[in-house]
Amino acid sequence: MRNLPVIDYAEAKKIIDRIVEKTLEMQKSVVVAVADPHGELIAFARMDGAPISSIRIAANKAWTAARERKATKEIGEKVRHPEKGHDIAYYGDRRFVGWGGGIPIWKNGEVAGAVAVSGLSSREDCELAALALEIIDSQKTP
């Protein structure tokens, strides 16, 4: 029997709380999604004033990062590459996104889930999502 690492609800809540805390310090609002290794939501938060469109985007960023085992920013850069790029439809599901802000969370060399932030610039979304790595004893990649 193989045991896969996961992000449990208590960890997901800590991730959301940390990202919300930092966003409040910035006097801004975001949507945060934490997903399991399959990309399904564990926990979700939409701060007051966060854009409604960011609800689906955050969920899709978390789904994409978990499923592809890579940051959504990296996927977006590959899709937009002028010579090596390909249409996002290549991935076969409309939930795939290439905007920055979704990152996989690794534990013991396996993807345990993903976190995603949406509502600000791609750079800010990425920086906020990276705060999850302070909560989960993990590495960015295996």
Protein backbone atom coordinates (compact mmCIF):
# COMPACT_ATOMS: atom_id res chain seq x y z
CA MET A 1 0.00 0.00 0.00
CA ARG A 2 1.29 3.43 -0.92
CA ASN A 3 0.57 6.41 1.30
CA LEU A 4 0.53 9.73 -0.51
CA PRO A 5 1.21 12.93 1.41
CA VAL A 6 -1.66 15.38 1.57
CA ILE A 7 -2.46 18.80 2.90
CA ASP A 8 -5.02 18.37 5.66
CA TYR A 9 -7.72 20.87 6.54
CA ALA A 10 -5.79 22.28 9.53
CA GLU A 11 -2.80 23.03 7.26
CA ALA A 12 -5.07 24.47 4.56
CA LYS A 13 -6.69 26.78 7.11
CA LYS A 14 -3.26 27.97 8.33
CA ILE A 15 -2.25 28.69 4.73
CA ILE A 16 -5.39 30.72 4.12
CA ASP A 17 -5.06 32.58 7.41
CA ARG A 18 -1.42 33.52 6.65
CA ILE A 19 -2.19 34.73 3.13
CA VAL A 20 -5.25 36.70 4.30
CA GLU A 21 -3.21 38.24 7.13
CA LYS A 22 -0.49 39.39 4.71
CA THR A 23 -3.05 40.69 2.22
CA LEU A 24 -4.77 42.72 4.94
CA GLU A 25 -1.38 44.25 5.83
CA MET A 26 -1.16 45.29 2.16
CA GLN A 27 -4.69 46.75 2.44
CA LYS A 28 -5.85 44.64 -0.51
CA SER A 29 -8.24 41.72 -1.13
CA VAL A 30 -7.75 38.33 -2.78
CA VAL A 31 -9.27 34.91 -3.23
CA VAL A 32 -7.30 31.92 -1.90
CA ALA A 33 -7.81 28.28 -2.84
CA VAL A 34 -6.07 25.24 -1.35
CA ALA A 35 -6.47 21.94 -3.18
CA ASP A 36 -5.56 18.28 -2.72
CA PRO A 37 -3.16 16.45 -5.09
CA HIS A 38 -6.01 15.94 -7.58
CA GLY A 39 -6.83 19.65 -7.64
CA GLU A 40 -10.05 19.36 -5.65
CA LEU A 41 -10.69 22.08 -3.07
CA ILE A 42 -9.83 21.54 0.58
CA ALA A 43 -10.35 25.14 1.70
CA PHE A 44 -11.28 28.41 0.06
CA ALA A 45 -11.58 32.06 1.09
CA ARG A 46 -12.82 35.15 -0.70
CA MET A 47 -11.90 38.32 1.11
CA ASP A 48 -14.32 41.23 1.20
CA GLY A 49 -13.85 43.30 -1.93
CA ALA A 50 -12.02 40.59 -3.93
CA PRO A 51 -13.06 40.45 -7.58
CA ILE A 52 -15.84 37.98 -8.31
CA SER A 53 -13.97 36.69 -11.36
CA SER A 54 -11.14 35.66 -9.04
CA ILE A 55 -13.33 32.99 -7.43
CA ARG A 56 -13.16 30.64 -10.41
CA ILE A 57 -9.64 31.74 -11.35
CA ALA A 58 -8.20 30.85 -7.93
CA ALA A 59 -9.91 27.45 -7.95
CA ASN A 60 -8.62 26.79 -11.48
CA LYS A 61 -5.08 27.91 -10.59
CA ALA A 62 -5.02 25.46 -7.66
CA TRP A 63 -6.46 22.71 -9.87
CA THR A 64 -3.87 23.37 -12.58
CA ALA A 65 -0.89 23.51 -10.20
CA ALA A 66 -1.91 20.26 -8.50
CA ARG A 67 -2.66 18.39 -11.74
CA GLU A 68 0.42 19.53 -13.64
CA ARG A 69 2.80 19.49 -10.64
CA LYS A 70 4.18 22.88 -11.64
CA ALA A 71 3.49 26.56 -11.05
CA THR A 72 0.78 28.12 -13.20
CA LYS A 73 3.16 30.95 -14.06
CA GLU A 74 5.54 28.40 -15.60
CA ILE A 75 2.71 26.87 -17.64
CA GLY A 76 1.67 30.31 -18.87
CA GLU A 77 5.22 31.19 -19.89
CA LYS A 78 5.49 27.95 -21.85
CA VAL A 79 2.17 28.53 -23.60
CA ARG A 80 3.14 32.08 -24.57
CA HIS A 81 6.67 31.19 -25.74
CA PRO A 82 6.97 32.52 -29.31
CA GLU A 83 8.80 29.45 -30.67
CA LYS A 84 8.04 26.57 -28.32
CA GLY A 85 4.58 27.68 -27.20
CA HIS A 86 1.30 25.96 -27.79
CA ASP A 87 -2.34 26.82 -27.22
CA ILE A 88 -3.62 26.31 -23.65
CA ALA A 89 -6.22 23.98 -25.21
CA TYR A 90 -3.30 21.55 -25.61
CA TYR A 91 -3.87 20.57 -21.98
CA GLY A 92 -7.37 19.34 -22.82
CA ASP A 93 -9.46 20.99 -20.12
CA ARG A 94 -10.77 24.53 -19.90
CA ARG A 95 -9.86 24.67 -16.19
CA PHE A 96 -6.16 24.86 -17.06
CA VAL A 97 -4.82 28.39 -16.60
CA GLY A 98 -1.46 30.01 -17.18
CA TRP A 99 -1.67 33.08 -14.98
CA GLY A 100 0.78 33.27 -12.09
CA GLY A 101 -0.39 32.57 -8.56
CA GLY A 102 -0.87 28.81 -8.39
CA ILE A 103 1.87 26.60 -6.96
CA PRO A 104 2.09 22.92 -6.09
CA ILE A 105 2.99 21.97 -2.53
CA TRP A 106 5.48 19.13 -2.20
CA LYS A 107 5.98 16.77 0.75
CA ASN A 108 8.49 13.93 0.69
CA GLY A 109 9.01 14.28 -3.05
CA GLU A 110 5.29 14.04 -3.87
CA VAL A 111 2.70 16.70 -4.62
CA ALA A 112 0.52 16.98 -1.53
CA GLY A 113 -1.72 19.63 -3.05
CA ALA A 114 -1.61 23.19 -4.29
CA VAL A 115 -2.35 26.73 -3.25
CA ALA A 116 -3.53 29.57 -5.44
CA VAL A 117 -4.16 33.26 -5.06
CA SER A 118 -6.11 35.48 -7.45
CA GLY A 119 -7.16 39.11 -7.44
CA LEU A 120 -3.95 41.10 -7.70
CA SER A 121 -1.11 41.28 -10.23
CA SER A 122 0.50 38.00 -11.25
CA ARG A 123 3.63 38.93 -9.28
CA GLU A 124 1.65 39.69 -6.11
CA ASP A 125 -0.46 36.55 -6.49
CA CYS A 126 2.75 34.48 -6.80
CA GLU A 127 4.35 36.13 -3.76
CA LEU A 128 1.27 35.55 -1.62
CA ALA A 129 0.90 31.93 -2.75
CA ALA A 130 4.55 31.30 -1.83
CA LEU A 131 3.68 32.08 1.80
CA ALA A 132 2.18 28.58 1.92
CA LEU A 133 5.70 27.19 1.84
CA GLU A 134 6.30 28.83 5.23
CA ILE A 135 3.36 26.86 6.65
CA ILE A 136 4.04 23.51 5.01
CA ASP A 137 7.49 22.06 5.53
CA SER A 138 8.06 21.54 1.84
CA GLN A 139 10.18 22.40 -1.10
CA LYS A 140 9.15 24.16 -4.30
CA THR A 141 10.02 21.12 -6.39
CA PRO A 142 11.07 17.56 -5.58
